[in-house]
């Protein structure tokens, strides 16, 4: 049975960075659609599906979020395509997206909460150049939607407070792509 592992957690917890690393291990990611313009290092179909607002509105979206006037969302077609073609895939989503994935795929979705402390969230957002206004909005939104507390209902919890590599290896063990050292010794 093919599965989707949904990476959930607060902003700047490392969901996207972890997901990009997992792709290097052959685990495909489910890409979101967005109406924002691509950054210089981003490509259509490699990072997001960059679409116009009109195209976005025509697409059957199962999760929809707005940040800074831009729409982001998961298309039903993209999710079903990845699930049908790959035994394991990952997606970085918020609570609403996880709930919609569970409605669509039921028991084929498992959640992995990426745990990070509040101070590190702020520090990472500052390091990546987010404005204080944006940080405040993202933190308020995360608090109002419970993004910091989703660990309580997640299938798995992974701490991402130090090494990205350690967090990735923990997830590889969870999805069955790596045997944990504790099982070898």
Protein backbone atom coordinates (compact mmCIF):
# COMPACT_ATOMS: atom_id res chain seq x y z
CA UNK A 1 0.00 0.00 0.00
CA UNK A 2 1.47 3.34 -1.07
CA UNK A 3 1.83 6.01 1.63
CA UNK A 4 2.20 9.74 1.99
CA UNK A 5 4.23 11.04 4.91
CA UNK A 6 3.01 14.53 5.77
CA UNK A 7 5.67 16.75 7.34
CA UNK A 8 3.98 19.13 9.75
CA UNK A 9 5.25 21.70 12.23
CA UNK A 10 5.64 25.40 12.87
CA UNK A 11 7.12 27.81 10.32
CA UNK A 12 10.91 27.54 9.89
CA UNK A 13 10.95 24.10 11.51
CA UNK A 14 12.75 22.73 8.45
CA UNK A 15 9.90 20.90 6.71
CA UNK A 16 10.91 22.06 3.23
CA UNK A 17 14.66 21.59 3.82
CA UNK A 18 14.07 18.06 5.10
CA UNK A 19 11.79 17.29 2.18
CA UNK A 20 14.45 18.43 -0.32
CA UNK A 21 16.99 16.14 1.37
CA UNK A 22 14.58 13.19 1.23
CA UNK A 23 14.30 13.68 -2.55
CA UNK A 24 18.05 12.94 -2.71
CA UNK A 25 17.24 9.52 -1.23
CA UNK A 26 14.67 8.81 -3.93
CA UNK A 27 11.57 9.81 -1.98
CA UNK A 28 9.46 12.05 -4.21
CA UNK A 29 7.78 15.16 -2.89
CA UNK A 30 4.26 16.29 -3.62
CA UNK A 31 4.63 19.81 -4.98
CA UNK A 32 2.32 22.69 -4.15
CA UNK A 33 0.89 25.19 -6.61
CA UNK A 34 1.52 28.87 -5.95
CA UNK A 35 0.62 32.19 -7.49
CA UNK A 36 3.82 33.88 -6.33
CA UNK A 37 6.65 34.59 -8.73
CA UNK A 38 9.57 32.14 -8.70
CA UNK A 39 12.76 33.19 -6.95
CA UNK A 40 15.92 33.22 -9.10
CA UNK A 41 16.93 29.70 -8.01
CA UNK A 42 13.46 28.15 -8.38
CA UNK A 43 12.02 26.28 -11.34
CA UNK A 44 8.45 25.40 -12.29
CA UNK A 45 7.89 21.75 -11.40
CA UNK A 46 11.07 21.59 -9.36
CA UNK A 47 10.12 23.69 -6.36
CA UNK A 48 6.48 24.58 -6.95
CA UNK A 49 4.05 24.72 -9.81
CA UNK A 50 4.05 28.46 -10.48
CA UNK A 51 0.65 29.42 -11.89
CA UNK A 52 -1.51 32.49 -12.42
CA UNK A 53 -4.39 33.25 -10.07
CA UNK A 54 -6.77 32.20 -12.84
CA UNK A 55 -5.03 28.82 -13.25
CA UNK A 56 -4.99 28.35 -9.48
CA UNK A 57 -8.75 28.99 -9.28
CA UNK A 58 -9.40 26.40 -12.03
CA UNK A 59 -7.33 23.69 -10.28
CA UNK A 60 -9.01 21.33 -7.82
CA UNK A 61 -7.14 22.34 -4.66
CA UNK A 62 -7.47 20.31 -1.44
CA UNK A 63 -5.45 22.70 0.74
CA UNK A 64 -5.38 26.46 0.28
CA UNK A 65 -3.26 28.96 2.23
CA UNK A 66 -2.55 32.64 1.58
CA UNK A 67 0.75 34.30 2.56
CA UNK A 68 1.62 37.88 1.66
CA UNK A 69 -1.09 38.05 -0.99
CA UNK A 70 0.02 34.84 -2.73
CA UNK A 71 -1.95 31.61 -2.84
CA UNK A 72 -0.43 28.20 -2.10
CA UNK A 73 -2.19 24.87 -2.38
CA UNK A 74 -2.06 21.16 -3.09
CA UNK A 75 -3.89 19.93 -6.14
CA UNK A 76 -5.88 16.73 -5.85
CA UNK A 77 -4.40 15.54 -9.17
CA UNK A 78 -0.80 15.99 -7.95
CA UNK A 79 -1.51 14.10 -4.71
CA UNK A 80 -3.24 11.18 -6.43
CA UNK A 81 -0.58 11.03 -9.14
CA UNK A 82 2.26 10.72 -6.61
CA UNK A 83 0.38 8.23 -4.42
CA UNK A 84 -0.47 6.01 -7.38
CA UNK A 85 3.05 6.09 -8.85
CA UNK A 86 5.27 5.84 -5.76
CA UNK A 87 5.24 3.57 -2.69
CA UNK A 88 6.38 6.49 -0.51
CA UNK A 89 6.10 10.24 -1.02
CA UNK A 90 6.28 13.27 1.25
CA UNK A 91 4.46 16.55 1.48
CA UNK A 92 5.01 19.60 3.70
CA UNK A 93 1.62 20.83 4.90
CA UNK A 94 -0.16 22.72 7.62
CA UNK A 95 -2.92 21.31 9.82
CA UNK A 96 -5.63 22.07 7.27
CA UNK A 97 -3.68 20.26 4.55
CA UNK A 98 -3.11 17.22 6.75
CA UNK A 99 -6.83 17.01 7.50
CA UNK A 100 -7.69 17.24 3.79
CA UNK A 101 -5.10 14.59 2.91
CA UNK A 102 -6.61 12.26 5.51
CA UNK A 103 -10.08 12.82 4.01
CA UNK A 104 -8.74 12.00 0.55
CA UNK A 105 -6.36 9.14 1.37
CA UNK A 106 -7.49 7.92 4.83
CA UNK A 107 -5.08 5.38 6.30
CA UNK A 108 -2.45 5.97 3.59
CA UNK A 109 -1.36 9.22 5.31
CA UNK A 110 0.96 9.34 8.30
CA UNK A 111 2.15 12.56 9.91
CA UNK A 112 5.65 13.43 11.08
CA UNK A 113 5.83 16.47 13.34
CA UNK A 114 9.07 18.43 12.98
CA UNK A 115 9.71 19.71 16.49
CA UNK A 116 11.63 22.90 17.06
CA UNK A 117 11.78 25.38 19.91
CA UNK A 118 10.20 28.82 19.64
CA UNK A 119 13.51 30.73 19.85
CA UNK A 120 15.00 28.74 16.97
CA UNK A 121 11.93 29.47 14.83
CA UNK A 122 12.43 33.22 15.33
CA UNK A 123 16.19 32.95 14.74
CA UNK A 124 15.76 30.98 11.49
CA UNK A 125 13.14 33.40 10.19
CA UNK A 126 15.44 36.35 10.91
CA UNK A 127 18.38 34.52 9.28
CA UNK A 128 16.43 33.98 6.07
CA UNK A 129 15.59 37.69 5.92
CA UNK A 130 11.94 37.69 6.99
CA UNK A 131 10.72 41.06 8.23
CA UNK A 132 9.58 41.48 11.83
CA UNK A 133 6.06 42.09 10.53
CA UNK A 134 6.07 38.83 8.55
CA UNK A 135 7.52 36.91 11.50
CA UNK A 136 4.80 38.25 13.79
CA UNK A 137 2.07 37.32 11.27
CA UNK A 138 3.46 33.81 10.75
CA UNK A 139 3.84 33.20 14.50
CA UNK A 140 0.33 34.49 15.22
CA UNK A 141 -1.06 32.29 12.45
CA UNK A 142 0.89 29.25 13.70
CA UNK A 143 -0.36 29.83 17.24
CA UNK A 144 -3.97 30.26 16.10
CA UNK A 145 -3.90 27.07 14.02
CA UNK A 146 -2.04 24.96 16.57
CA UNK A 147 1.06 24.44 14.43
CA UNK A 148 3.27 24.36 17.54
CA UNK A 149 1.12 21.69 19.23
CA UNK A 150 0.53 19.19 16.42
CA UNK A 151 3.08 16.82 17.93
CA UNK A 152 0.32 15.62 20.25
CA UNK A 153 -1.63 14.03 17.39
CA UNK A 154 1.21 13.20 14.97
CA UNK A 155 2.14 9.62 14.18
CA UNK A 156 5.83 10.45 14.71
CA UNK A 157 7.89 13.30 16.18
CA UNK A 158 11.35 14.28 14.93
CA UNK A 159 13.45 16.98 16.60
CA UNK A 160 15.19 19.35 14.20
CA UNK A 161 17.12 21.49 16.62
CA UNK A 162 20.67 20.69 15.59
CA UNK A 163 21.69 18.73 12.55
CA UNK A 164 19.48 18.53 9.48
CA UNK A 165 21.20 15.24 8.64
CA UNK A 166 20.10 13.69 11.94
CA UNK A 167 16.49 14.73 11.34
CA UNK A 168 16.61 13.32 7.80
CA UNK A 169 18.06 10.01 9.02
CA UNK A 170 15.31 9.73 11.63
CA UNK A 171 12.69 10.18 8.92
CA UNK A 172 14.43 7.68 6.63
CA UNK A 173 14.17 5.17 9.48
CA UNK A 174 10.48 5.98 9.98
CA UNK A 175 9.64 5.43 6.30
CA UNK A 176 11.67 2.22 6.16
CA UNK A 177 14.57 3.47 4.04
CA UNK A 178 17.17 3.19 6.80
CA UNK A 179 17.66 0.79 9.68
CA UNK A 180 18.11 2.69 12.95
CA UNK A 181 21.43 2.06 14.72
CA UNK A 182 19.54 0.85 17.79
CA UNK A 183 18.22 -2.11 15.75
CA UNK A 184 21.69 -3.04 14.45
CA UNK A 185 23.54 -3.03 17.77
